[in-house]
């Protein structure tokens, strides 16, 4: 019999709860983007291209250790979301405790792999002998940080299942703020890779502890004990997680393979030319990943209640609005890529990375922004097996193509390979799969998502080109900022009428006094 417990979130309509979670998630993303835009060029200038390349290479390589998750974190989210829908709090405790025991074992494996593999990594990535001592120690520090994240991942997963993204993002924003201030202090005082690594470890542990306290507060009957561990719960999590594990492995390899292949073939400098535009786009699209996390959790709840109509509505609206939100950034980054990177970092980076950025914008626009939530819906429905294996095929083909493109074409060739592979599978194939699984019309689904944002983008893209060749070529931050503001303001003004559904537009106008009358006159 389930024990009585307070509901893990305050009573609220699903729409208001979803909106609250999105606002908090995007606030965290906004802070991350602002701090990343400020710190990334500072890292390059203070560390130098070689040390920055080492920093990116080691973090990219060590990120593979997150594969020890094997899909169990996704299983914790799905199980806890379904269990809280049925108020089965005893099973929630079993799920959390069983997952923590598993991740404790995996954290030990993580540290062992890092300790015994650090010398091989120095040889593989051709690390300068002068940097190898610091690089070896940084390798171990990163492993410790990842181990802490593994241990606490069931805690944050439970918060996600309870749809308390507000609490998760408060901890995340605190992490980002402390890390940014600490990194600035260390860089300005002449410190290098190792102190920065210790800072990353410290703030990661602090964020994990914060999330644990938050879960204990919203779920006061949380119990941590080996006696609660359930073999049955572990078997059920493995059953769900095996397909999520396939997806996680493929995702991790695909995201990190470009830098890894470039580093092994062309060296750290070429990695830096690819990594800057890649990370810039990852900053801007983290918002969609955050929405996807909320979508997966809510979909699990809707699927448990067999609410197919709201599943369709959630998939279409979240994908379309994410596409619309990213569109002005995509237009600006494509048109002003070289001047932006020249002013932001250096002329050298602008010359080499300026042509890489527009190529990478394509998959982030059509696949990540336009279809990310389709994958999240399939995850929430536990119908993601085919999608998981399609990513495996995509990753294998992409890696083979990377080894062909990287030696001759460097960062530009790698960007073309990445763009084509992601767009084909995570954009086109995922949309087809989503419609086949749920019985949707593919033509109606694609039209509902893409037609309005893309049609609205045409005049705005023309405006951006005119600005670039005439009034605002992007020679300094003022010109870049003015161009970005004009592009964004024009697109969002048009999208408010063309992209938003009438009922959503009405809700927005209701919250701003006098706006309904003004909008009616304008219309």
Protein backbone atom coordinates (compact mmCIF):
# COMPACT_ATOMS: atom_id res chain seq x y z
CA UNK A 1 0.00 0.00 0.00
CA UNK A 2 1.35 3.41 -0.95
CA UNK A 3 2.22 5.66 1.93
CA UNK A 4 0.47 9.06 2.14
CA UNK A 5 2.56 12.00 1.09
CA UNK A 6 2.16 15.57 0.04
CA UNK A 7 1.93 16.16 -3.71
CA UNK A 8 5.42 17.04 -5.01
CA UNK A 9 4.14 20.19 -6.65
CA UNK A 10 1.52 22.72 -5.77
CA UNK A 11 -1.87 22.22 -7.44
CA UNK A 12 -1.96 24.02 -10.76
CA UNK A 13 -3.35 23.55 -14.21
CA UNK A 14 -1.11 21.64 -16.58
CA UNK A 15 -0.77 24.64 -18.89
CA UNK A 16 0.31 27.02 -16.13
CA UNK A 17 2.71 24.42 -14.72
CA UNK A 18 4.19 23.85 -18.19
CA UNK A 19 4.58 27.61 -18.72
CA UNK A 20 6.21 28.06 -15.32
CA UNK A 21 8.69 25.29 -16.05
CA UNK A 22 9.51 26.71 -19.49
CA UNK A 23 10.09 30.20 -18.06
CA UNK A 24 12.47 28.89 -15.41
CA UNK A 25 14.25 26.64 -17.89
CA UNK A 26 14.74 29.47 -20.37
CA UNK A 27 15.90 31.77 -17.62
CA UNK A 28 18.66 29.25 -16.88
CA UNK A 29 19.46 29.01 -20.57
CA UNK A 30 19.56 32.79 -20.90
CA UNK A 31 22.02 33.07 -18.05
CA UNK A 32 24.14 30.32 -19.59
CA UNK A 33 24.16 32.04 -22.98
CA UNK A 34 25.13 35.43 -21.57
CA UNK A 35 27.90 33.99 -19.41
CA UNK A 36 29.09 31.72 -22.23
CA UNK A 37 29.26 34.59 -24.71
CA UNK A 38 31.37 36.49 -22.21
CA UNK A 39 33.63 33.68 -21.01
CA UNK A 40 34.35 31.77 -24.23
CA UNK A 41 36.46 34.46 -25.91
CA UNK A 42 38.13 35.20 -22.57
CA UNK A 43 39.13 31.55 -22.28
CA UNK A 44 40.66 31.65 -25.75
CA UNK A 45 42.56 34.87 -25.09
CA UNK A 46 43.84 33.99 -21.62
CA UNK A 47 44.59 30.32 -22.17
CA UNK A 48 45.63 30.59 -25.81
CA UNK A 49 44.38 28.47 -28.71
CA UNK A 50 46.49 25.44 -27.70
CA UNK A 51 45.35 25.29 -24.06
CA UNK A 52 41.75 26.08 -25.02
CA UNK A 53 41.88 23.21 -27.51
CA UNK A 54 43.13 20.91 -24.72
CA UNK A 55 40.28 22.10 -22.47
CA UNK A 56 37.68 21.33 -25.16
CA UNK A 57 39.29 18.00 -26.11
CA UNK A 58 39.46 16.65 -22.57
CA UNK A 59 35.92 17.69 -21.65
CA UNK A 60 34.63 16.29 -24.94
CA UNK A 61 36.46 13.00 -24.37
CA UNK A 62 35.49 12.63 -20.73
CA UNK A 63 31.87 13.32 -21.59
CA UNK A 64 31.81 9.80 -23.03
CA UNK A 65 31.86 8.55 -19.44
CA UNK A 66 28.28 9.77 -19.13
CA UNK A 67 27.46 6.74 -21.25
CA UNK A 68 27.69 4.76 -18.02
CA UNK A 69 24.16 6.06 -17.48
CA UNK A 70 22.95 3.26 -19.82
CA UNK A 71 19.52 4.91 -20.06
CA UNK A 72 18.60 4.53 -16.39
CA UNK A 73 18.23 8.25 -15.77
CA UNK A 74 15.57 8.45 -18.50
CA UNK A 75 13.93 5.41 -16.95
CA UNK A 76 13.83 7.13 -13.55
CA UNK A 77 12.08 10.15 -15.10
CA UNK A 78 9.53 8.03 -16.95
CA UNK A 79 8.78 5.70 -14.02
CA UNK A 80 8.53 8.48 -11.42
CA UNK A 81 6.26 10.55 -13.70
CA UNK A 82 3.90 7.61 -14.17
CA UNK A 83 4.09 6.66 -10.48
CA UNK A 84 3.28 10.18 -9.32
CA UNK A 85 0.31 10.24 -11.74
CA UNK A 86 -1.00 7.22 -9.79
CA UNK A 87 0.16 8.57 -6.39
CA UNK A 88 2.31 5.47 -5.89
CA UNK A 89 4.91 7.06 -3.61
CA UNK A 90 6.36 3.80 -2.30
CA UNK A 91 7.37 2.87 -5.83
CA UNK A 92 8.90 6.32 -6.30
CA UNK A 93 11.22 5.64 -3.37
CA UNK A 94 12.10 2.22 -4.77
CA UNK A 95 12.95 3.73 -8.14
CA UNK A 96 15.19 6.44 -6.69
CA UNK A 97 17.07 4.17 -4.29
CA UNK A 98 17.63 1.45 -6.87
CA UNK A 99 18.99 3.97 -9.37
CA UNK A 100 21.33 5.57 -6.80
CA UNK A 101 22.90 2.20 -5.98
CA UNK A 102 23.51 1.56 -9.68
CA UNK A 103 25.05 4.98 -10.23
CA UNK A 104 27.33 4.61 -7.22
CA UNK A 105 28.85 1.56 -8.90
CA UNK A 106 29.16 3.39 -12.22
CA UNK A 107 30.92 6.34 -10.59
CA UNK A 108 33.65 3.99 -9.38
CA UNK A 109 34.01 2.65 -12.92
CA UNK A 110 34.24 6.23 -14.21
CA UNK A 111 37.13 7.12 -11.91
CA UNK A 112 38.97 3.88 -12.69
CA UNK A 113 38.73 4.41 -16.45
CA UNK A 114 40.06 7.95 -16.11
CA UNK A 115 42.97 6.93 -13.87
CA UNK A 116 44.19 4.12 -16.10
CA UNK A 117 43.46 5.90 -19.40
CA UNK A 118 44.98 9.32 -18.81
CA UNK A 119 48.36 8.53 -20.39
CA UNK A 120 46.77 7.06 -23.51
CA UNK A 121 44.71 10.23 -23.92
CA UNK A 122 47.85 12.39 -23.99
CA UNK A 123 49.24 10.33 -26.86
CA UNK A 124 45.98 10.06 -28.77
CA UNK A 125 45.36 13.80 -28.85
CA UNK A 126 48.97 14.83 -29.40
CA UNK A 127 49.02 17.03 -26.32
CA UNK A 128 52.08 19.28 -26.17
CA UNK A 129 54.60 17.78 -23.69
CA UNK A 130 54.66 21.11 -21.83
CA UNK A 131 50.93 20.79 -21.14
CA UNK A 132 50.74 17.08 -20.35
CA UNK A 133 51.22 17.30 -16.57
CA UNK A 134 48.29 19.70 -16.19
CA UNK A 135 46.25 17.78 -18.74
CA UNK A 136 46.64 14.49 -16.84
CA UNK A 137 45.45 16.05 -13.59
CA UNK A 138 42.59 17.83 -15.36
CA UNK A 139 41.56 14.45 -16.79
CA UNK A 140 41.09 13.07 -13.26
CA UNK A 141 39.31 16.18 -12.00
CA UNK A 142 36.79 16.00 -14.83
CA UNK A 143 36.21 12.31 -14.01
CA UNK A 144 35.47 13.21 -10.38
CA UNK A 145 32.97 15.84 -11.51
CA UNK A 146 31.21 13.38 -13.81
CA UNK A 147 31.15 10.76 -11.03
CA UNK A 148 29.38 13.20 -8.71
CA UNK A 149 26.82 13.93 -11.43
CA UNK A 150 26.21 10.23 -11.95
CA UNK A 151 25.57 9.61 -8.25
CA UNK A 152 23.08 12.47 -7.97
CA UNK A 153 21.40 11.98 -11.37
CA UNK A 154 18.40 10.03 -9.90
CA UNK A 155 17.74 13.03 -7.64
CA UNK A 156 17.49 15.51 -10.50
CA UNK A 157 15.60 12.92 -12.55
CA UNK A 158 12.96 12.68 -9.82
CA UNK A 159 12.63 16.48 -9.75
CA UNK A 160 12.10 16.42 -13.51
CA UNK A 161 9.47 13.70 -13.16
CA UNK A 162 7.66 15.84 -10.58
CA UNK A 163 7.93 18.74 -13.07
CA UNK A 164 9.86 20.93 -10.64
CA UNK A 165 12.11 22.47 -13.26
CA UNK A 166 11.90 25.74 -11.36
CA UNK A 167 13.93 24.23 -8.51
CA UNK A 168 16.37 22.50 -10.86
CA UNK A 169 17.06 25.74 -12.71
CA UNK A 170 17.57 27.76 -9.55
CA UNK A 171 20.42 25.40 -8.70
CA UNK A 172 21.63 25.54 -12.30
CA UNK A 173 21.68 29.34 -12.34
CA UNK A 174 23.57 29.35 -9.04
CA UNK A 175 26.09 26.92 -10.53
CA UNK A 176 26.57 29.07 -13.63
CA UNK A 177 26.96 32.27 -11.65
CA UNK A 178 29.56 30.90 -9.23
CA UNK A 179 31.42 29.19 -12.05
CA UNK A 180 31.47 32.36 -14.16
CA UNK A 181 32.67 34.58 -11.32
CA UNK A 182 35.26 32.02 -10.27
CA UNK A 183 36.50 31.48 -13.84
CA UNK A 184 36.84 35.22 -14.36
CA UNK A 185 38.84 35.59 -11.16
CA UNK A 186 41.12 32.67 -12.02
CA UNK A 187 41.74 33.80 -15.60
CA UNK A 188 42.45 37.41 -14.63
CA UNK A 189 44.95 36.28 -11.99
CA UNK A 190 46.84 34.11 -14.47
CA UNK A 191 45.67 30.65 -13.43
CA UNK A 192 45.38 27.85 -15.96
CA UNK A 193 43.69 24.54 -16.68
CA UNK A 194 43.95 22.80 -13.29
CA UNK A 195 42.43 25.55 -11.09
CA UNK A 196 39.62 25.93 -13.61
CA UNK A 197 39.04 22.18 -13.39
CA UNK A 198 38.81 22.27 -9.59
CA UNK A 199 36.28 25.08 -9.89
CA UNK A 200 34.12 22.99 -12.22
CA UNK A 201 34.22 20.11 -9.73
CA UNK A 202 33.31 22.29 -6.75
CA UNK A 203 30.32 23.98 -8.36
CA UNK A 204 29.05 20.66 -9.77
CA UNK A 205 29.01 19.10 -6.30
CA UNK A 206 27.34 22.21 -4.89
CA UNK A 207 24.58 22.05 -7.51
CA UNK A 208 24.01 18.36 -6.79
CA UNK A 209 23.64 18.96 -3.05
CA UNK A 210 21.25 21.85 -3.75
CA UNK A 211 19.05 19.56 -5.86
CA UNK A 212 19.02 16.92 -3.14
CA UNK A 213 17.80 19.46 -0.59
CA UNK A 214 15.12 20.61 -3.05
CA UNK A 215 13.86 17.06 -3.61
CA UNK A 216 13.73 16.42 0.12
CA UNK A 217 11.67 19.59 0.55
CA UNK A 218 9.08 18.82 -2.14
CA UNK A 219 9.03 15.07 -1.44
CA UNK A 220 9.43 14.96 2.37
CA UNK A 221 8.93 11.20 2.64
CA UNK A 222 11.98 10.51 0.51
CA UNK A 223 13.91 7.65 2.11
CA UNK A 224 17.45 6.57 1.24
CA UNK A 225 18.23 3.02 2.34
CA UNK A 226 19.69 -0.14 0.76
CA UNK A 227 16.64 -2.00 2.07
CA UNK A 228 14.39 -0.06 -0.33
CA UNK A 229 16.40 -1.18 -3.36
CA UNK A 230 14.23 -3.40 -5.55
CA UNK A 231 15.45 -5.95 -8.08
CA UNK A 232 12.07 -5.75 -9.79
CA UNK A 233 12.38 -1.96 -10.13
CA UNK A 234 15.88 -2.36 -11.56
CA UNK A 235 14.64 -4.85 -14.13
CA UNK A 236 11.84 -2.51 -15.19
CA UNK A 237 14.27 0.41 -15.50
CA UNK A 238 16.65 -1.66 -17.61
CA UNK A 239 13.71 -2.69 -19.82
CA UNK A 240 12.88 0.97 -20.52
CA UNK A 241 16.44 2.23 -20.39
CA UNK A 242 18.00 -0.16 -22.89
CA UNK A 243 16.58 1.81 -25.82
CA UNK A 244 17.28 5.13 -24.09
CA UNK A 245 20.83 3.88 -23.52
CA UNK A 246 21.25 3.23 -27.22
CA UNK A 247 20.05 6.77 -27.91
CA UNK A 248 22.28 8.24 -25.20
CA UNK A 249 25.36 6.42 -26.49
CA UNK A 250 24.70 7.48 -30.06
CA UNK A 251 23.94 11.07 -29.02
CA UNK A 252 27.08 11.33 -26.95
CA UNK A 253 29.32 9.88 -29.63
CA UNK A 254 27.78 12.06 -32.33
CA UNK A 255 28.05 15.25 -30.30
CA UNK A 256 31.66 14.64 -29.29
CA UNK A 257 32.98 12.80 -32.38
CA UNK A 258 33.62 15.92 -34.51
CA UNK A 259 36.01 17.42 -31.94
CA UNK A 260 37.57 14.04 -31.21
CA UNK A 261 38.21 13.23 -34.88
CA UNK A 262 39.50 16.72 -35.61
CA UNK A 263 41.80 16.57 -32.61
CA UNK A 264 43.26 13.21 -33.56
CA UNK A 265 43.81 14.19 -37.23
CA UNK A 266 44.39 17.95 -37.32
CA UNK A 267 45.32 18.88 -33.73
CA UNK A 268 43.88 21.21 -31.05
CA UNK A 269 43.89 24.43 -33.13
CA UNK A 270 41.47 23.03 -35.71
CA UNK A 271 39.26 21.81 -32.85
CA UNK A 272 39.03 25.38 -31.58
CA UNK A 273 37.85 26.66 -34.98
CA UNK A 274 35.04 24.10 -35.00
CA UNK A 275 34.23 24.18 -31.28
CA UNK A 276 33.50 27.92 -31.01
CA UNK A 277 30.58 28.02 -33.50
CA UNK A 278 29.43 24.59 -32.30
CA UNK A 279 29.30 25.72 -28.68
CA UNK A 280 27.69 29.01 -29.64
CA UNK A 281 24.83 27.09 -31.22
CA UNK A 282 24.65 24.69 -28.30
CA UNK A 283 24.17 27.69 -26.00
CA UNK A 284 21.27 29.05 -28.06
CA UNK A 285 19.52 25.72 -28.50
CA UNK A 286 19.83 24.49 -24.94
CA UNK A 287 16.45 26.14 -24.50
CA UNK A 288 14.86 23.52 -26.74
CA UNK A 289 16.47 20.68 -24.84
CA UNK A 290 14.99 22.13 -21.65
CA UNK A 291 11.53 22.27 -23.23
CA UNK A 292 12.07 18.70 -24.42
CA UNK A 293 12.72 17.54 -20.88
CA UNK A 294 9.42 19.05 -19.79
CA UNK A 295 7.65 17.61 -22.84
CA UNK A 296 8.87 14.07 -22.09
CA UNK A 297 7.71 14.26 -18.49
CA UNK A 298 4.28 15.67 -19.37
CA UNK A 299 3.84 13.20 -22.25
CA UNK A 300 4.44 10.26 -19.91
CA UNK A 301 1.60 11.57 -17.76
CA UNK A 302 -0.68 12.16 -20.79
CA UNK A 303 0.15 8.74 -22.25
CA UNK A 304 -0.74 7.07 -18.96
CA UNK A 305 -4.15 8.77 -19.31
CA UNK A 306 -4.47 7.89 -23.05
CA UNK A 307 -4.90 11.55 -24.11
CA UNK A 308 -3.84 11.36 -27.79
CA UNK A 309 -5.31 14.73 -28.79
CA UNK A 310 -3.17 16.64 -26.30
CA UNK A 311 -0.10 14.66 -27.37
CA UNK A 312 -0.57 15.93 -30.95
CA UNK A 313 -1.14 19.48 -29.74
CA UNK A 314 1.94 19.39 -27.49
CA UNK A 315 4.19 18.05 -30.26
CA UNK A 316 3.06 20.61 -32.84
CA UNK A 317 2.95 23.68 -30.61
CA UNK A 318 6.26 23.06 -28.82
CA UNK A 319 8.12 22.31 -32.07
CA UNK A 320 6.63 25.27 -33.94
CA UNK A 321 7.22 27.76 -31.15
CA UNK A 322 10.79 26.55 -30.62
CA UNK A 323 11.42 26.93 -34.35
CA UNK A 324 9.97 30.43 -34.28
CA UNK A 325 12.06 31.41 -31.27
CA UNK A 326 15.28 30.24 -32.89
CA UNK A 327 14.56 31.67 -36.36
CA UNK A 328 15.82 35.26 -35.82
CA UNK A 329 19.01 33.92 -34.21
CA UNK A 330 19.50 31.59 -37.19
CA UNK A 331 19.05 34.45 -39.66
CA UNK A 332 21.48 36.69 -37.80
CA UNK A 333 24.12 33.99 -37.36
CA UNK A 334 24.00 33.03 -41.04
CA UNK A 335 24.28 36.58 -42.33
CA UNK A 336 26.67 38.02 -39.75
CA UNK A 337 28.77 34.94 -38.91
CA UNK A 338 32.21 36.27 -39.91
CA UNK A 339 31.92 39.80 -38.45
CA UNK A 340 30.41 38.39 -35.25
CA UNK A 341 33.27 35.96 -34.63
CA UNK A 342 35.85 38.57 -35.67
CA UNK A 343 34.60 41.14 -33.16
CA UNK A 344 33.71 38.59 -30.47
CA UNK A 345 36.95 36.59 -30.54
CA UNK A 346 39.61 37.54 -33.11
CA UNK A 347 40.15 38.04 -36.87
CA UNK A 348 41.81 34.61 -37.04
CA UNK A 349 38.77 32.88 -35.58
CA UNK A 350 36.45 34.97 -37.75
CA UNK A 351 38.32 33.90 -40.88
CA UNK A 352 38.33 30.17 -40.08
CA UNK A 353 35.09 29.75 -38.09
CA UNK A 354 32.99 32.29 -39.99
CA UNK A 355 32.25 29.87 -42.81
CA UNK A 356 31.63 26.99 -40.40
CA UNK A 357 28.85 28.69 -38.43
CA UNK A 358 26.20 29.02 -41.20
CA UNK A 359 26.64 25.34 -42.14
CA UNK A 360 25.99 24.29 -38.55
CA UNK A 361 22.93 26.55 -38.26
CA UNK A 362 21.01 24.35 -40.73
CA UNK A 363 20.58 21.24 -38.53
CA UNK A 364 20.04 23.31 -35.43
CA UNK A 365 17.18 25.12 -37.16
CA UNK A 366 15.35 22.30 -38.94
CA UNK A 367 16.17 19.34 -36.68
CA UNK A 368 17.02 20.57 -33.18
CA UNK A 369 14.62 23.53 -32.97
CA UNK A 370 11.98 22.08 -35.30
CA UNK A 371 11.85 18.43 -34.20
CA UNK A 372 13.51 18.03 -30.79
CA UNK A 373 10.17 17.74 -29.03
CA UNK A 374 9.07 14.96 -31.39
CA UNK A 375 11.83 12.80 -29.92
CA UNK A 376 10.78 13.87 -26.42
CA UNK A 377 7.21 12.79 -27.09
CA UNK A 378 8.39 9.35 -28.22
CA UNK A 379 10.50 9.09 -25.07
CA UNK A 380 7.53 9.99 -22.90
CA UNK A 381 5.42 7.39 -24.68
CA UNK A 382 8.19 4.76 -24.34
CA UNK A 383 8.01 4.29 -28.14
CA UNK A 384 11.50 5.44 -28.98
CA UNK A 385 13.15 2.15 -29.95
CA UNK A 386 13.25 2.76 -33.72
CA UNK A 387 14.41 6.34 -33.25
CA UNK A 388 17.21 5.17 -30.95
CA UNK A 389 18.56 2.73 -33.52
CA UNK A 390 18.23 5.26 -36.33
CA UNK A 391 20.59 7.51 -34.39
CA UNK A 392 23.05 4.60 -34.15
CA UNK A 393 23.02 4.27 -37.95
CA UNK A 394 23.35 8.03 -38.33
CA UNK A 395 26.32 8.11 -35.95
CA UNK A 396 28.14 5.25 -37.67
CA UNK A 397 27.73 6.83 -41.12
CA UNK A 398 28.72 10.26 -39.78
CA UNK A 399 31.92 9.03 -38.15
CA UNK A 400 32.98 7.25 -41.33
CA UNK A 401 32.36 10.45 -43.29
CA UNK A 402 34.28 12.51 -40.70
CA UNK A 403 37.44 10.47 -41.26
CA UNK A 404 37.09 11.15 -44.98
CA UNK A 405 36.37 14.88 -44.66
CA UNK A 406 38.59 15.96 -41.75
CA UNK A 407 42.06 15.29 -43.26
CA UNK A 408 41.40 17.35 -46.39
CA UNK A 409 38.77 19.91 -45.43
CA UNK A 410 39.32 20.35 -41.68
CA UNK A 411 36.65 22.11 -39.61
CA UNK A 412 34.58 23.13 -42.66
CA UNK A 413 34.33 19.57 -43.96
CA UNK A 414 33.43 18.26 -40.52
CA UNK A 415 30.68 20.89 -40.24
CA UNK A 416 29.18 19.81 -43.58
CA UNK A 417 29.13 16.15 -42.51
CA UNK A 418 27.53 16.98 -39.15
CA UNK A 419 24.92 19.22 -40.78
CA UNK A 420 23.83 16.63 -43.33
CA UNK A 421 23.62 13.73 -40.87
CA UNK A 422 21.67 15.54 -38.16
CA UNK A 423 19.20 17.12 -40.60
CA UNK A 424 18.49 13.82 -42.33
CA UNK A 425 17.83 11.70 -39.24
CA UNK A 426 16.84 14.04 -36.41
CA UNK A 427 14.84 16.23 -38.75
CA UNK A 428 13.28 14.31 -41.64
CA UNK A 429 13.28 10.73 -40.36
CA UNK A 430 12.14 11.65 -36.84
CA UNK A 431 9.14 13.56 -38.21
CA UNK A 432 8.12 10.56 -40.32
CA UNK A 433 8.56 8.19 -37.38
CA UNK A 434 6.59 10.43 -35.02
CA UNK A 435 3.65 10.46 -37.44
CA UNK A 436 3.79 6.72 -38.10
CA UNK A 437 3.83 5.82 -34.39
CA UNK A 438 0.94 8.14 -33.51
CA UNK A 439 -1.14 7.85 -36.68
CA UNK A 440 -0.62 11.47 -37.73
CA UNK A 441 -0.54 12.77 -41.30
CA UNK A 442 3.08 13.65 -42.16
CA UNK A 443 2.01 16.45 -44.52
CA UNK A 444 -0.27 18.03 -41.90
CA UNK A 445 2.35 17.58 -39.18
CA UNK A 446 5.19 19.23 -41.14
CA UNK A 447 2.90 22.00 -42.39
CA UNK A 448 1.67 22.73 -38.87
CA UNK A 449 5.24 23.06 -37.59
CA UNK A 450 7.27 24.66 -40.38
CA UNK A 451 5.08 26.68 -42.75
CA UNK A 452 4.32 29.72 -40.60
CA UNK A 453 7.80 30.26 -39.07
CA UNK A 454 9.54 29.81 -42.45
CA UNK A 455 7.15 32.10 -44.32
CA UNK A 456 7.67 34.78 -41.68
CA UNK A 457 11.45 34.41 -42.02
CA UNK A 458 11.66 35.32 -45.71
CA UNK A 459 11.28 39.13 -45.44
CA UNK A 460 13.39 39.20 -42.28
CA UNK A 461 16.25 37.35 -43.99
CA UNK A 462 16.14 39.88 -46.84
CA UNK A 463 16.27 42.70 -44.28
CA UNK A 464 19.35 41.14 -42.63
CA UNK A 465 21.19 40.89 -45.96
CA UNK A 466 20.39 44.52 -46.77
CA UNK A 467 21.65 45.63 -43.36
CA UNK A 468 24.89 43.65 -43.78
CA UNK A 469 25.77 45.19 -47.16
CA UNK A 470 24.66 48.74 -46.34
CA UNK A 471 24.11 50.37 -42.96
CA UNK A 472 25.31 47.77 -40.45
CA UNK A 473 28.15 45.58 -41.82
CA UNK A 474 29.11 44.45 -38.30
CA UNK A 475 32.43 46.23 -37.79
CA UNK A 476 31.91 46.63 -34.03
CA UNK A 477 29.60 45.62 -31.20
CA UNK A 478 27.27 48.57 -31.79
CA UNK A 479 26.62 47.57 -35.39
CA UNK A 480 26.24 43.90 -34.50
CA UNK A 481 23.89 44.68 -31.63
CA UNK A 482 21.79 47.04 -33.73
CA UNK A 483 21.51 44.49 -36.55
CA UNK A 484 20.58 41.71 -34.13
CA UNK A 485 17.96 43.91 -32.46
CA UNK A 486 16.38 44.89 -35.78
CA UNK A 487 16.28 41.30 -37.02
CA UNK A 488 14.82 39.99 -33.77
CA UNK A 489 12.29 42.81 -33.33
CA UNK A 490 11.05 42.52 -36.92
CA UNK A 491 10.69 38.75 -36.80
CA UNK A 492 8.99 38.58 -33.41
CA UNK A 493 6.59 41.38 -34.35
CA UNK A 494 5.53 39.45 -37.45
CA UNK A 495 5.58 36.07 -35.67
CA UNK A 496 3.24 37.35 -32.96
CA UNK A 497 0.57 37.53 -35.67
CA UNK A 498 1.64 34.71 -38.00
CA UNK A 499 3.17 32.01 -35.77
CA UNK A 500 1.27 32.12 -32.47
CA UNK A 501 -2.15 30.48 -32.32
CA UNK A 502 -5.02 32.96 -31.74
CA UNK A 503 -5.82 31.61 -28.26
CA UNK A 504 -2.19 31.90 -27.17
CA UNK A 505 -1.98 35.40 -28.61
CA UNK A 506 -5.13 36.34 -26.71
CA UNK A 507 -3.68 35.00 -23.46
CA UNK A 508 -0.53 37.09 -23.95
CA UNK A 509 -2.54 40.23 -24.67
CA UNK A 510 -4.67 39.68 -21.59
CA UNK A 511 -1.59 39.88 -19.40
CA UNK A 512 -0.55 43.32 -20.75
CA UNK A 513 -2.99 46.15 -19.86
CA UNK A 514 -4.23 48.03 -22.91
CA UNK A 515 -2.51 45.74 -25.39
CA UNK A 516 -5.70 44.18 -26.74
CA UNK A 517 -7.10 47.55 -27.82
CA UNK A 518 -3.77 48.57 -29.36
CA UNK A 519 -3.42 45.26 -31.20
CA UNK A 520 -6.99 45.47 -32.53
CA UNK A 521 -6.30 48.91 -33.99
CA UNK A 522 -3.06 47.70 -35.55
CA UNK A 523 -4.72 44.62 -37.02
